[in-house]
Amino acid sequence: MASLVRAAQHGEEIIISDDEGAIARLVSVDRALGGRHPRRAGSGKGVFKISPDFEAPLDDFKEYME
């Protein structure tokens, strides 16, 4: 298993199959995302603004909260 992961890290594409044909493809994350980096915690900092009352109860659901 580790050798397959190393092969994918080095650019190989590994096709996993059973008797009925291909069922999965193992590639590096970089290749799967087309060279884009996966999202990381905090990557949207400064891009999004959350309202101060974001977690305040909604009036529409007030009767359910009582």
N, C-alpha and C. Protein backbone atom coordinates (compact mmCIF):
# COMPACT_ATOMS: atom_id res chain seq x y z
N MET A 1 0.82 -1.19 0.00
CA MET A 1 0.00 0.00 0.00
C MET A 1 0.87 1.26 0.00
N ALA A 2 1.88 1.30 0.83
CA ALA A 2 2.75 2.47 0.90
C ALA A 2 3.46 2.71 -0.42
N SER A 3 3.79 1.66 -1.13
CA SER A 3 4.46 1.84 -2.42
C SER A 3 3.53 2.48 -3.45
N LEU A 4 2.25 2.19 -3.35
CA LEU A 4 1.28 2.81 -4.26
C LEU A 4 1.15 4.31 -3.97
N VAL A 5 1.14 4.65 -2.69
CA VAL A 5 1.05 6.06 -2.31
C VAL A 5 2.30 6.80 -2.77
N ARG A 6 3.47 6.20 -2.59
CA ARG A 6 4.71 6.84 -3.06
C ARG A 6 4.68 7.02 -4.57
N ALA A 7 4.19 6.03 -5.29
CA ALA A 7 4.11 6.13 -6.74
C ALA A 7 3.20 7.30 -7.15
N ALA A 8 2.06 7.44 -6.46
CA ALA A 8 1.15 8.55 -6.75
C ALA A 8 1.81 9.88 -6.44
N GLN A 9 2.58 9.94 -5.36
CA GLN A 9 3.29 11.17 -5.01
C GLN A 9 4.27 11.58 -6.10
N HIS A 10 4.80 10.61 -6.81
CA HIS A 10 5.77 10.89 -7.86
C HIS A 10 5.13 11.01 -9.24
N GLY A 11 3.81 11.21 -9.27
CA GLY A 11 3.14 11.51 -10.53
C GLY A 11 2.46 10.35 -11.24
N GLU A 12 2.59 9.14 -10.71
CA GLU A 12 1.93 8.02 -11.36
C GLU A 12 0.43 8.01 -11.05
N GLU A 13 -0.34 7.45 -11.96
CA GLU A 13 -1.76 7.26 -11.75
C GLU A 13 -1.99 5.77 -11.57
N ILE A 14 -2.58 5.39 -10.45
CA ILE A 14 -2.81 3.99 -10.15
C ILE A 14 -4.32 3.73 -10.27
N ILE A 15 -4.67 2.77 -11.12
CA ILE A 15 -6.07 2.39 -11.29
C ILE A 15 -6.32 1.15 -10.45
N ILE A 16 -7.33 1.20 -9.59
CA ILE A 16 -7.71 0.06 -8.75
C ILE A 16 -8.95 -0.55 -9.36
N SER A 17 -8.91 -1.86 -9.56
CA SER A 17 -10.04 -2.51 -10.23
C SER A 17 -10.39 -3.82 -9.54
N ASP A 18 -11.56 -4.31 -9.89
CA ASP A 18 -11.99 -5.63 -9.46
C ASP A 18 -12.36 -6.43 -10.71
N ASP A 19 -13.04 -7.51 -10.55
CA ASP A 19 -13.40 -8.35 -11.69
C ASP A 19 -14.27 -7.64 -12.72
N GLU A 20 -14.98 -6.62 -12.28
CA GLU A 20 -15.91 -5.91 -13.18
C GLU A 20 -15.28 -4.67 -13.83
N GLY A 21 -14.07 -4.35 -13.49
CA GLY A 21 -13.40 -3.20 -14.10
C GLY A 21 -12.89 -2.20 -13.07
N ALA A 22 -12.50 -1.04 -13.58
CA ALA A 22 -11.93 0.01 -12.73
C ALA A 22 -12.97 0.53 -11.74
N ILE A 23 -12.53 0.71 -10.49
CA ILE A 23 -13.44 1.23 -9.46
C ILE A 23 -12.88 2.48 -8.77
N ALA A 24 -11.58 2.72 -8.90
CA ALA A 24 -10.99 3.89 -8.25
C ALA A 24 -9.70 4.28 -8.96
N ARG A 25 -9.30 5.53 -8.74
CA ARG A 25 -8.07 6.04 -9.31
C ARG A 25 -7.30 6.73 -8.20
N LEU A 26 -6.04 6.37 -8.04
CA LEU A 26 -5.20 6.97 -7.02
C LEU A 26 -4.20 7.90 -7.69
N VAL A 27 -4.29 9.20 -7.36
CA VAL A 27 -3.36 10.20 -7.88
C VAL A 27 -2.98 11.12 -6.73
N SER A 28 -1.94 11.91 -6.92
CA SER A 28 -1.54 12.87 -5.89
C SER A 28 -2.62 13.95 -5.75
N VAL A 29 -2.69 14.54 -4.59
CA VAL A 29 -3.65 15.62 -4.35
C VAL A 29 -3.39 16.77 -5.31
N ASP A 30 -2.12 17.08 -5.52
CA ASP A 30 -1.76 18.17 -6.43
C ASP A 30 -2.32 17.92 -7.83
N ARG A 31 -2.19 16.70 -8.30
CA ARG A 31 -2.71 16.37 -9.63
C ARG A 31 -4.23 16.38 -9.65
N ALA A 32 -4.85 15.84 -8.61
CA ALA A 32 -6.31 15.78 -8.54
C ALA A 32 -6.93 17.17 -8.53
N LEU A 33 -6.23 18.12 -7.91
CA LEU A 33 -6.75 19.49 -7.82
C LEU A 33 -6.24 20.38 -8.95
N GLY A 34 -5.58 19.79 -9.92
CA GLY A 34 -5.09 20.57 -11.05
C GLY A 34 -4.04 21.59 -10.68
N GLY A 35 -3.22 21.28 -9.68
CA GLY A 35 -2.16 22.20 -9.27
C GLY A 35 -2.59 23.19 -8.21
N ARG A 36 -3.91 23.27 -7.95
CA ARG A 36 -4.37 24.17 -6.88
C ARG A 36 -4.07 23.53 -5.54
N HIS A 37 -3.84 24.34 -4.55
CA HIS A 37 -3.58 23.83 -3.22
C HIS A 37 -4.90 23.58 -2.50
N PRO A 38 -4.97 22.53 -1.67
CA PRO A 38 -6.19 22.30 -0.90
C PRO A 38 -6.44 23.46 0.05
N ARG A 39 -7.69 23.68 0.37
CA ARG A 39 -8.04 24.76 1.31
C ARG A 39 -7.50 24.43 2.69
N ARG A 40 -7.13 25.46 3.39
CA ARG A 40 -6.62 25.30 4.75
C ARG A 40 -7.37 26.23 5.68
N ALA A 41 -7.42 25.86 6.94
CA ALA A 41 -8.08 26.70 7.94
C ALA A 41 -7.49 28.10 7.90
N GLY A 42 -8.35 29.09 7.86
CA GLY A 42 -7.90 30.47 7.86
C GLY A 42 -7.61 31.04 6.49
N SER A 43 -7.80 30.23 5.43
CA SER A 43 -7.46 30.72 4.09
C SER A 43 -8.42 31.80 3.59
N GLY A 44 -9.57 31.94 4.23
CA GLY A 44 -10.52 32.98 3.83
C GLY A 44 -10.45 34.22 4.71
N LYS A 45 -9.45 34.28 5.58
CA LYS A 45 -9.32 35.40 6.50
C LYS A 45 -9.22 36.71 5.72
N GLY A 46 -10.09 37.66 6.08
CA GLY A 46 -10.10 38.95 5.41
C GLY A 46 -10.94 38.98 4.14
N VAL A 47 -11.39 37.80 3.69
CA VAL A 47 -12.20 37.71 2.47
C VAL A 47 -13.68 37.77 2.82
N PHE A 48 -14.03 37.13 3.93
CA PHE A 48 -15.43 37.06 4.35
C PHE A 48 -15.63 37.88 5.61
N LYS A 49 -16.80 38.46 5.71
CA LYS A 49 -17.13 39.25 6.89
C LYS A 49 -18.40 38.65 7.51
N ILE A 50 -18.34 38.36 8.80
CA ILE A 50 -19.48 37.77 9.50
C ILE A 50 -20.11 38.84 10.37
N SER A 51 -21.40 38.96 10.26
CA SER A 51 -22.16 39.93 11.02
C SER A 51 -22.03 39.65 12.51
N PRO A 52 -21.97 40.68 13.35
CA PRO A 52 -21.85 40.48 14.80
C PRO A 52 -23.01 39.65 15.39
N ASP A 53 -24.19 39.70 14.75
CA ASP A 53 -25.34 38.96 15.27
C ASP A 53 -25.53 37.61 14.55
N PHE A 54 -24.46 37.08 13.97
CA PHE A 54 -24.52 35.84 13.20
C PHE A 54 -25.16 34.69 13.98
N GLU A 55 -24.82 34.55 15.25
CA GLU A 55 -25.32 33.44 16.05
C GLU A 55 -26.58 33.79 16.83
N ALA A 56 -27.13 34.96 16.63
CA ALA A 56 -28.35 35.36 17.33
C ALA A 56 -29.54 34.53 16.82
N PRO A 57 -30.47 34.20 17.71
CA PRO A 57 -31.64 33.42 17.28
C PRO A 57 -32.43 34.18 16.20
N LEU A 58 -32.97 33.44 15.26
CA LEU A 58 -33.78 34.03 14.20
C LEU A 58 -35.21 34.20 14.68
N ASP A 59 -35.80 35.36 14.39
CA ASP A 59 -37.18 35.61 14.81
C ASP A 59 -38.14 34.59 14.22
N ASP A 60 -37.88 34.11 13.01
CA ASP A 60 -38.77 33.14 12.36
C ASP A 60 -38.86 31.82 13.13
N PHE A 61 -37.86 31.52 13.94
CA PHE A 61 -37.85 30.25 14.67
C PHE A 61 -38.07 30.43 16.17
N LYS A 62 -38.47 31.61 16.56
CA LYS A 62 -38.62 31.94 17.97
C LYS A 62 -39.57 30.96 18.68
N GLU A 63 -40.69 30.61 18.03
CA GLU A 63 -41.65 29.71 18.67
C GLU A 63 -41.08 28.31 18.89
N TYR A 64 -40.15 27.90 18.09
CA TYR A 64 -39.53 26.57 18.26
C TYR A 64 -38.49 26.57 19.38
N MET A 65 -37.98 27.73 19.71
CA MET A 65 -36.93 27.84 20.71
C MET A 65 -37.48 27.93 22.14
N GLU A 66 -38.76 28.12 22.25
CA GLU A 66 -39.36 28.30 23.61
C GLU A 66 -39.73 26.99 24.23
